[in-house]
Amino acid sequence: MFDTAGELLRQIRLGEDSALALRDVQFVGDTVNEPERSDLADELAALANTANGVVVLGVDDKTKDIVGIPLEKLRIVERWLQGICNDLIVPPLFCRIRNVSITVGKEERYLIRVDVPKSLMVHKSPGGFLYRIGSAKREMAPEVLLWLTQQRSQARIIRFDEQAVNSLHRLKVVKALWEKFRTPLSPADDEEFLLRSKLLTTDEDGNICPSVAGALMATEEPHLIIDNAYIQAVAYRGTERNAAYQSDSADIYGPLDRQIMDAYHFVTKNMQRFAVKAPMRQEIPQYSLQAVFEAIVNAVAHRDYSISLSKIRLHMFSDRLELFSPGSIPGTMTIESMPLRQACRNALVTSLLARCPLSIPDYRGDRTCIMDRRGEGVSIILTESRKLSGRMPEYRLIDDSELLLTIYAAQQPDTA
């Protein structure tokens, strides 16, 4: 929707409608003063309850003049928006926030564009349960609210990773990335194969679109389609999460199988190795690489991709490795039952990862593909890490919305 700057400008000139809302942004110091938080929350929720829509900040909704937002205040507005989506809308709203540069005359001006997809939930904002008709918001009548809730509940039966993303992204599905999933029994026709494998699907209007899994596995830049679908990797010299002690960092993008391998190589590059002579020279790694690999695979395969404001975080310290994965524990599992049970949030993603070849020459396990269908990952993480460091890794659930795995480092042997 309004995919190019030209299309967006043309729509702005036409003014607000059911799919477009315009708002100027005013500041008092470094605080957003207008629009009011509750007013914008109502606007966002109404769009999500109605259909795909866009909110553009930095445009006067009455004159349609592109006022812009000061460059140094874009980040302030972004954080302000994140707070609105998380704190004032129930359930929290999944949307995509982007900075946009527009040339007006000879001057470059900056806008913030918020893409609001038609939600699978019905959202309540400070103004109640609202929907959008033309450029206006209306509160839903009780019977409309009941009907919409039933419709959206039925839609949620479809797993999130099988749901459709915007049909404009169809051309971004790359044959070189999905060809590896083909088998001798697959249909010869490309589109038929992609639809049968659910890398493509159809939306409510019958348009052929990538699925969430298709975007994650078969596009070069899934983070531009599924917000925050990447890994933030940071290595610190000490034991503190402090930028002053940062020794290396990388934002790891690309299809999920590439993210897994690149994150694994980030760890191998930054971890220490200790040498002992007992009786022959032996190298002891800081972490069990088999455990690290399984941990990264699990984080990527099982994170909740519907949470748009969180990314996987891989943080290395001198004494431990921390891996944060967005989302609670899937199904009815608990921290205690994880080594014994198997549950899957993203069945399509995991089935595709189970068909991606493993390209680690010195991998100690017996598998040939990235994902293991036997559910042994957690057990490998626990046992292999404990063998090396003498300490059991720890899983912890943070605010019921993020899973933290801590793997403790091996201690440097006494060579005296």
Protein backbone atom coordinates (compact mmCIF):
# COMPACT_ATOMS: atom_id res chain seq x y z
CA MET A 1 0.00 0.00 0.00
CA PHE A 2 1.47 3.34 -1.15
CA ASP A 3 4.70 1.43 -1.70
CA THR A 4 6.71 4.24 -3.30
CA ALA A 5 7.29 7.83 -2.21
CA GLY A 6 5.39 9.01 -5.30
CA GLU A 7 2.33 6.91 -4.47
CA LEU A 8 2.40 8.13 -0.87
CA LEU A 9 2.61 11.78 -1.96
CA ARG A 10 -0.30 11.36 -4.37
CA GLN A 11 -2.42 9.83 -1.63
CA ILE A 12 -1.51 12.58 0.82
CA ARG A 13 -2.68 15.16 -1.73
CA LEU A 14 -6.03 13.33 -1.94
CA GLY A 15 -6.36 13.44 1.85
CA GLU A 16 -7.55 11.04 4.52
CA ASP A 17 -9.82 8.07 3.83
CA SER A 18 -10.49 4.63 5.26
CA ALA A 19 -6.87 3.57 4.72
CA LEU A 20 -4.94 6.79 5.41
CA ALA A 21 -4.66 9.04 8.46
CA LEU A 22 -2.49 12.18 8.58
CA ARG A 23 -1.19 13.92 11.70
CA ASP A 24 1.12 16.84 12.37
CA VAL A 25 3.52 16.39 15.31
CA GLN A 26 4.18 19.19 17.79
CA PHE A 27 6.81 19.18 20.53
CA VAL A 28 7.40 20.84 23.85
CA GLY A 29 11.13 20.44 24.26
CA ASP A 30 11.84 16.77 23.61
CA THR A 31 8.29 15.64 24.42
CA VAL A 32 5.56 15.03 21.85
CA ASN A 33 2.72 17.43 22.72
CA GLU A 34 0.37 16.79 19.77
CA PRO A 35 -1.39 14.66 18.76
CA GLU A 36 -2.61 13.40 22.11
CA ARG A 37 -1.55 9.83 22.89
CA SER A 38 -5.13 8.63 23.38
CA ASP A 39 -6.25 10.21 20.09
CA LEU A 40 -3.54 8.48 18.10
CA ALA A 41 -4.20 5.21 19.94
CA ASP A 42 -7.83 5.43 18.80
CA GLU A 43 -6.69 6.09 15.22
CA LEU A 44 -4.32 3.12 15.14
CA ALA A 45 -6.76 0.70 16.75
CA ALA A 46 -9.60 1.77 14.44
CA LEU A 47 -7.44 1.07 11.39
CA ALA A 48 -6.38 -2.33 12.74
CA ASN A 49 -10.02 -3.21 13.42
CA THR A 50 -11.05 -2.24 9.88
CA ALA A 51 -8.46 -3.03 7.19
CA ASN A 52 -4.84 -2.43 6.21
CA GLY A 53 -4.03 1.26 6.73
CA VAL A 54 -1.27 3.82 7.02
CA VAL A 55 -0.76 6.68 9.47
CA VAL A 56 1.67 9.39 8.32
CA LEU A 57 3.10 11.67 11.00
CA GLY A 58 4.48 15.03 9.92
CA VAL A 59 1.58 16.06 7.64
CA ASP A 60 -1.13 18.59 8.48
CA ASP A 61 -4.40 16.66 8.10
CA LYS A 62 -6.37 19.84 7.23
CA THR A 63 -4.07 21.56 4.71
CA LYS A 64 -2.22 18.37 3.62
CA ASP A 65 1.03 20.34 3.89
CA ILE A 66 4.13 18.23 4.53
CA VAL A 67 5.39 19.91 7.68
CA GLY A 68 7.95 17.24 8.52
CA ILE A 69 9.59 16.11 11.77
CA PRO A 70 13.05 17.35 12.81
CA LEU A 71 15.65 14.70 12.01
CA GLU A 72 16.98 14.66 15.57
CA LYS A 73 13.49 13.95 16.95
CA LEU A 74 12.55 10.94 14.78
CA ARG A 75 13.77 8.54 17.46
CA ILE A 76 11.72 10.36 20.12
CA VAL A 77 8.57 9.96 18.03
CA GLU A 78 9.35 6.29 17.38
CA ARG A 79 9.62 5.54 21.12
CA TRP A 80 6.44 7.54 21.73
CA LEU A 81 4.62 5.40 19.14
CA GLN A 82 5.94 2.18 20.66
CA GLY A 83 4.55 3.23 24.03
CA ILE A 84 1.14 3.94 22.51
CA CYS A 85 0.99 0.57 20.73
CA ASN A 86 2.04 -1.32 23.87
CA ASP A 87 0.39 0.64 26.68
CA LEU A 88 -2.81 2.22 25.35
CA ILE A 89 -4.10 -0.47 22.97
CA VAL A 90 -5.39 -3.85 24.20
CA PRO A 91 -4.15 -6.28 23.08
CA PRO A 92 -0.92 -4.48 22.07
CA LEU A 93 -0.88 -3.56 18.40
CA PHE A 94 1.51 -5.05 15.84
CA CYS A 95 2.50 -2.37 13.35
CA ARG A 96 5.52 -1.29 11.32
CA ILE A 97 7.20 2.07 11.98
CA ARG A 98 9.42 3.57 9.28
CA ASN A 99 11.27 6.84 8.76
CA VAL A 100 10.56 8.40 5.34
CA SER A 101 12.43 11.17 3.53
CA ILE A 102 10.40 13.40 1.19
CA THR A 103 11.72 16.21 -1.01
CA VAL A 104 9.53 19.34 -0.91
CA GLY A 105 10.84 21.88 -3.40
CA LYS A 106 14.56 21.71 -2.74
CA GLU A 107 14.18 20.84 0.92
CA GLU A 108 14.35 17.36 2.43
CA ARG A 109 11.72 16.72 5.07
CA TYR A 110 11.24 13.71 7.30
CA LEU A 111 8.04 11.82 8.07
CA ILE A 112 7.20 8.75 10.09
CA ARG A 113 5.02 6.18 8.38
CA VAL A 114 3.12 3.63 10.47
CA ASP A 115 1.81 0.64 8.52
CA VAL A 116 -1.13 -0.90 10.38
CA PRO A 117 -2.14 -4.35 9.10
CA LYS A 118 -5.67 -5.64 9.44
CA SER A 119 -5.37 -7.37 12.78
CA LEU A 120 -6.37 -10.88 13.78
CA MET A 121 -7.47 -9.40 17.09
CA VAL A 122 -10.14 -6.83 17.96
CA HIS A 123 -8.36 -3.96 19.69
CA LYS A 124 -9.67 -1.66 22.39
CA SER A 125 -8.25 1.85 22.73
CA PRO A 126 -9.11 4.69 25.13
CA GLY A 127 -12.16 5.55 22.99
CA GLY A 128 -13.50 1.98 23.13
CA PHE A 129 -13.82 -0.56 20.31
CA LEU A 130 -13.56 1.64 17.21
CA TYR A 131 -13.59 1.10 13.46
CA ARG A 132 -12.90 3.48 10.58
CA ILE A 133 -15.38 4.59 7.96
CA GLY A 134 -13.95 7.06 5.48
CA SER A 135 -11.80 9.50 7.43
CA ALA A 136 -13.90 9.19 10.61
CA LYS A 137 -13.86 6.81 13.57
CA ARG A 138 -16.98 5.17 14.95
CA GLU A 139 -17.61 3.02 17.99
CA MET A 140 -18.78 -0.48 17.19
CA ALA A 141 -22.33 -1.44 18.06
CA PRO A 142 -22.44 -4.48 20.39
CA GLU A 143 -23.68 -6.80 17.62
CA VAL A 144 -20.89 -5.64 15.26
CA LEU A 145 -18.28 -6.18 17.98
CA LEU A 146 -19.62 -9.70 18.62
CA TRP A 147 -19.60 -10.57 14.91
CA LEU A 148 -16.08 -9.20 14.35
CA THR A 149 -14.72 -11.01 17.41
CA GLN A 150 -16.12 -14.30 16.08
CA GLN A 151 -14.67 -13.68 12.62
CA ARG A 152 -11.21 -12.85 13.94
CA SER A 153 -11.26 -15.83 16.30
CA GLN A 154 -11.84 -18.13 13.33
CA ALA A 155 -8.93 -16.50 11.47
CA ARG A 156 -6.60 -17.16 14.39
CA ILE A 157 -7.10 -20.90 13.92
CA ILE A 158 -4.59 -20.54 11.07
CA ARG A 159 -1.07 -20.56 12.50
CA PHE A 160 0.64 -17.21 12.38
CA ASP A 161 3.49 -18.43 10.17
CA GLU A 162 0.96 -19.62 7.55
CA GLN A 163 -0.89 -16.30 7.36
CA ALA A 164 -0.61 -13.94 4.42
CA VAL A 165 1.50 -10.81 4.34
CA ASN A 166 0.92 -7.94 1.89
CA SER A 167 0.56 -9.10 -1.73
CA LEU A 168 2.98 -6.33 -2.78
CA HIS A 169 5.77 -8.49 -1.36
CA ARG A 170 5.08 -11.39 -3.73
CA LEU A 171 7.90 -10.43 -6.11
CA LYS A 172 10.37 -10.49 -3.23
CA VAL A 173 10.15 -14.30 -2.96
CA VAL A 174 13.46 -15.46 -4.48
CA LYS A 175 13.74 -18.75 -6.39
CA ALA A 176 17.34 -19.29 -5.30
CA LEU A 177 16.12 -19.34 -1.69
CA TRP A 178 13.07 -21.61 -2.05
CA GLU A 179 14.39 -24.03 -4.67
CA LYS A 180 16.10 -26.13 -1.97
CA PHE A 181 12.69 -27.14 -0.60
CA ARG A 182 11.71 -28.83 -3.85
CA THR A 183 11.70 -32.62 -4.09
CA PRO A 184 11.32 -34.97 -7.09
CA LEU A 185 7.62 -35.25 -6.21
CA SER A 186 7.02 -31.48 -6.13
CA PRO A 187 4.83 -29.88 -8.82
CA ALA A 188 6.79 -28.63 -11.83
CA ASP A 189 4.90 -25.34 -11.94
CA ASP A 190 6.57 -22.80 -9.63
CA GLU A 191 3.42 -21.12 -8.38
CA GLU A 192 1.67 -24.41 -7.69
CA PHE A 193 4.69 -25.63 -5.74
CA LEU A 194 4.90 -22.43 -3.69
CA LEU A 195 1.19 -22.56 -2.87
CA ARG A 196 1.29 -26.25 -1.92
CA SER A 197 4.34 -25.69 0.28
CA LYS A 198 2.58 -22.66 1.83
CA LEU A 199 5.43 -20.29 0.99
CA LEU A 200 2.70 -18.46 -0.92
CA THR A 201 -0.91 -18.27 0.20
CA THR A 202 -4.07 -16.29 -0.56
CA ASP A 203 -5.44 -13.44 1.51
CA GLU A 204 -9.12 -12.69 2.25
CA ASP A 205 -9.50 -10.93 -1.08
CA GLY A 206 -8.07 -13.85 -3.09
CA ASN A 207 -4.71 -12.16 -3.76
CA ILE A 208 -1.67 -14.43 -3.85
CA CYS A 209 0.80 -13.31 -1.17
CA PRO A 210 3.84 -14.69 0.62
CA SER A 211 3.01 -16.35 3.90
CA VAL A 212 4.85 -15.23 7.02
CA ALA A 213 7.05 -18.34 6.67
CA GLY A 214 7.58 -17.56 2.99
CA ALA A 215 8.75 -14.07 3.88
CA LEU A 216 11.05 -15.42 6.60
CA MET A 217 12.58 -18.25 4.56
CA ALA A 218 12.44 -17.12 0.92
CA THR A 219 13.12 -13.37 0.85
CA GLU A 220 16.47 -11.61 1.17
CA GLU A 221 15.24 -9.05 3.70
CA PRO A 222 12.49 -10.57 5.83
CA HIS A 223 12.96 -7.86 8.49
CA LEU A 224 11.45 -5.36 6.04
CA ILE A 225 8.28 -7.46 5.88
CA ILE A 226 8.10 -9.01 9.37
CA ASP A 227 9.26 -6.30 11.73
CA ASN A 228 12.36 -7.11 13.82
CA ALA A 229 12.87 -10.54 12.22
CA TYR A 230 16.62 -10.41 12.76
CA ILE A 231 19.25 -11.15 15.42
CA GLN A 232 21.14 -8.51 17.37
CA ALA A 233 24.52 -9.97 18.34
CA VAL A 234 26.89 -8.21 20.75
CA ALA A 235 30.14 -9.36 22.38
CA TYR A 236 31.35 -7.66 25.58
CA ARG A 237 34.82 -7.84 27.10
CA GLY A 238 33.61 -8.17 30.68
CA THR A 239 30.53 -9.32 32.54
CA GLU A 240 28.46 -6.11 32.18
CA ARG A 241 26.01 -5.07 29.47
CA ASN A 242 27.82 -1.80 28.83
CA ALA A 243 28.64 -0.25 25.46
CA ALA A 244 31.99 0.93 26.86
CA TYR A 245 33.09 -2.73 27.01
CA GLN A 246 31.68 -3.80 23.65
CA SER A 247 34.22 -5.64 21.50
CA ASP A 248 32.08 -6.68 18.53
CA SER A 249 28.51 -6.37 17.31
CA ALA A 250 26.39 -7.26 14.30
CA ASP A 251 22.75 -7.04 13.25
CA ILE A 252 22.21 -10.34 11.47
CA TYR A 253 19.70 -10.21 8.62
CA GLY A 254 18.57 -12.47 5.79
CA PRO A 255 16.45 -15.65 5.52
CA LEU A 256 16.27 -17.60 8.76
CA ASP A 257 18.68 -20.38 7.80
CA ARG A 258 21.31 -17.75 6.95
CA GLN A 259 20.65 -15.91 10.22
CA ILE A 260 21.27 -19.13 12.15
CA MET A 261 24.60 -19.80 10.45
CA ASP A 262 25.77 -16.19 10.73
CA ALA A 263 24.89 -16.05 14.43
CA TYR A 264 26.74 -19.32 15.00
CA HIS A 265 29.83 -17.92 13.26
CA PHE A 266 29.58 -14.73 15.36
CA VAL A 267 29.92 -16.88 18.48
CA THR A 268 32.80 -18.94 17.11
CA LYS A 269 34.62 -15.74 16.12
CA ASN A 270 34.22 -14.05 19.50
CA MET A 271 34.50 -16.84 22.03
CA GLN A 272 37.75 -17.69 23.75
CA ARG A 273 39.65 -20.95 23.46
CA PHE A 274 41.95 -22.30 26.14
CA ALA A 275 44.96 -24.54 25.48
CA VAL A 276 46.12 -27.20 27.92
CA LYS A 277 48.94 -29.77 27.72
CA ALA A 278 47.70 -32.87 29.49
CA PRO A 279 49.45 -34.95 28.18
CA MET A 280 49.08 -33.56 24.62
CA ARG A 281 48.02 -30.08 23.65
CA GLN A 282 44.23 -29.82 23.79
CA GLU A 283 42.01 -26.86 22.97
CA ILE A 284 39.03 -26.19 25.23
CA PRO A 285 36.33 -23.87 23.83
CA GLN A 286 34.56 -21.33 26.04
CA TYR A 287 31.19 -22.83 25.01
CA SER A 288 29.98 -26.10 23.59
CA LEU A 289 29.43 -25.19 19.95
CA GLN A 290 26.88 -27.95 19.57
CA ALA A 291 24.87 -26.44 22.43
CA VAL A 292 25.24 -22.93 21.00
CA PHE A 293 24.02 -24.08 17.61
CA GLU A 294 20.96 -25.80 19.09
CA ALA A 295 20.19 -22.72 21.18
CA ILE A 296 20.28 -20.40 18.17
CA VAL A 297 18.15 -22.79 16.09
CA ASN A 298 15.53 -23.00 18.84
CA ALA A 299 15.44 -19.23 19.31
CA VAL A 300 14.95 -18.59 15.58
CA ALA A 301 12.49 -21.44 15.01
CA HIS A 302 10.26 -20.90 18.04
CA ARG A 303 10.24 -17.13 18.65
CA ASP A 304 6.91 -15.35 18.38
CA TYR A 305 7.09 -13.44 15.08
CA SER A 306 3.80 -11.69 15.80
CA ILE A 307 5.62 -9.58 18.42
CA SER A 308 6.84 -6.70 16.29
CA LEU A 309 8.80 -4.65 18.80
CA SER A 310 11.26 -7.36 19.90
CA LYS A 311 14.13 -9.09 18.18
CA ILE A 312 16.32 -12.05 19.11
CA ARG A 313 19.27 -10.81 21.14
CA LEU A 314 22.52 -12.78 21.39
CA HIS A 315 24.84 -11.25 23.99
CA MET A 316 28.24 -12.71 24.86
CA PHE A 317 30.14 -11.92 28.06
CA SER A 318 33.37 -13.19 29.58
CA ASP A 319 31.46 -15.57 31.86
CA ARG A 320 28.23 -16.36 29.99
CA LEU A 321 26.19 -16.21 26.80
CA GLU A 322 22.63 -14.82 26.94
CA LEU A 323 20.05 -15.51 24.26
CA PHE A 324 16.72 -13.63 24.40
CA SER A 325 13.86 -14.96 22.27
CA PRO A 326 10.57 -12.99 21.95
CA GLY A 327 7.49 -14.84 23.10
CA SER A 328 6.38 -17.02 25.97
CA ILE A 329 6.84 -20.79 26.03
CA PRO A 330 4.55 -22.35 23.40
CA GLY A 331 1.62 -24.55 24.30
CA THR A 332 1.27 -25.83 27.86
CA MET A 333 4.97 -26.38 28.41
CA THR A 334 6.78 -25.02 31.46
CA ILE A 335 10.45 -24.22 32.09
CA GLU A 336 10.73 -27.50 34.01
CA SER A 337 9.12 -29.63 31.29
CA MET A 338 11.10 -28.21 28.35
CA PRO A 339 13.75 -31.01 28.30
CA LEU A 340 11.00 -33.65 28.33
CA ARG A 341 8.28 -32.26 26.06
CA GLN A 342 7.99 -30.93 22.54
CA ALA A 343 5.80 -28.03 21.41
CA CYS A 344 5.93 -25.96 18.27
CA ARG A 345 4.79 -22.38 17.74
CA ASN A 346 5.83 -22.11 14.07
CA ALA A 347 5.15 -25.52 12.52
CA LEU A 348 5.72 -24.37 8.94
CA VAL A 349 8.98 -22.58 9.76
CA THR A 350 10.34 -25.58 11.65
CA SER A 351 9.40 -27.98 8.85
CA LEU A 352 11.26 -25.78 6.35
CA LEU A 353 14.33 -25.49 8.59
CA ALA A 354 14.29 -29.29 8.85
CA ARG A 355 14.90 -29.33 5.07
CA CYS A 356 17.74 -26.77 5.02
CA PRO A 357 21.17 -28.41 4.71
CA LEU A 358 23.56 -28.01 7.64
CA SER A 359 26.87 -26.53 6.49
CA ILE A 360 29.10 -26.81 9.56
CA PRO A 361 32.01 -29.15 8.72
CA ASP A 362 32.91 -29.91 12.35
CA TYR A 363 29.39 -30.27 13.76
CA ARG A 364 29.53 -33.05 16.35
CA GLY A 365 25.98 -34.35 15.92
CA ASP A 366 24.69 -36.78 13.32
CA ARG A 367 22.18 -34.58 11.50
CA THR A 368 22.43 -33.24 7.97
CA CYS A 369 19.80 -30.47 8.21
CA ILE A 370 19.52 -27.42 10.46
CA MET A 371 16.44 -28.49 12.41
CA ASP A 372 16.01 -31.75 14.27
CA ARG A 373 12.50 -33.23 14.20
CA ARG A 374 13.20 -35.41 17.26
CA GLY A 375 13.01 -32.56 19.77
CA GLU A 376 16.48 -33.18 21.26
CA GLY A 377 17.65 -29.56 21.14
CA VAL A 378 17.01 -28.56 24.76
CA SER A 379 18.56 -31.77 26.11
CA ILE A 380 21.69 -31.19 24.00
CA ILE A 381 21.94 -27.59 25.22
CA LEU A 382 21.72 -28.67 28.86
CA THR A 383 23.95 -31.74 28.83
CA GLU A 384 26.71 -30.50 26.51
CA SER A 385 27.01 -27.16 28.29
CA ARG A 386 27.13 -28.77 31.71
CA LYS A 387 29.86 -31.18 30.59
CA LEU A 388 32.04 -28.27 29.51
CA SER A 389 31.42 -25.62 32.17
CA GLY A 390 30.24 -27.69 35.12
CA ARG A 391 27.15 -25.45 35.37
CA MET A 392 23.65 -26.16 34.13
CA PRO A 393 22.29 -23.59 31.66
CA GLU A 394 19.29 -21.65 32.91
CA TYR A 395 16.01 -20.79 31.19
CA ARG A 396 14.01 -17.87 32.55
CA LEU A 397 10.71 -16.34 31.40
CA ILE A 398 10.68 -12.54 31.52
CA ASP A 399 7.27 -10.84 31.93
CA ASP A 400 5.69 -13.89 30.28
CA SER A 401 6.78 -12.41 26.93
CA GLU A 402 10.46 -13.24 26.43
CA LEU A 403 12.47 -16.41 27.03
CA LEU A 404 16.05 -15.95 28.26
CA LEU A 405 18.59 -18.75 28.01
CA THR A 406 21.89 -18.32 29.88
CA ILE A 407 24.77 -20.65 28.97
CA TYR A 408 27.73 -20.38 31.33
CA ALA A 409 31.27 -20.24 29.98
CA ALA A 410 33.96 -22.78 30.72
CA GLN A 411 36.59 -21.52 33.13
CA GLN A 412 40.17 -21.06 31.97
CA PRO A 413 42.12 -24.14 33.13
CA ASP A 414 44.89 -23.75 35.68
CA THR A 415 48.09 -24.17 33.67
CA ALA A 416 50.45 -23.72 36.59
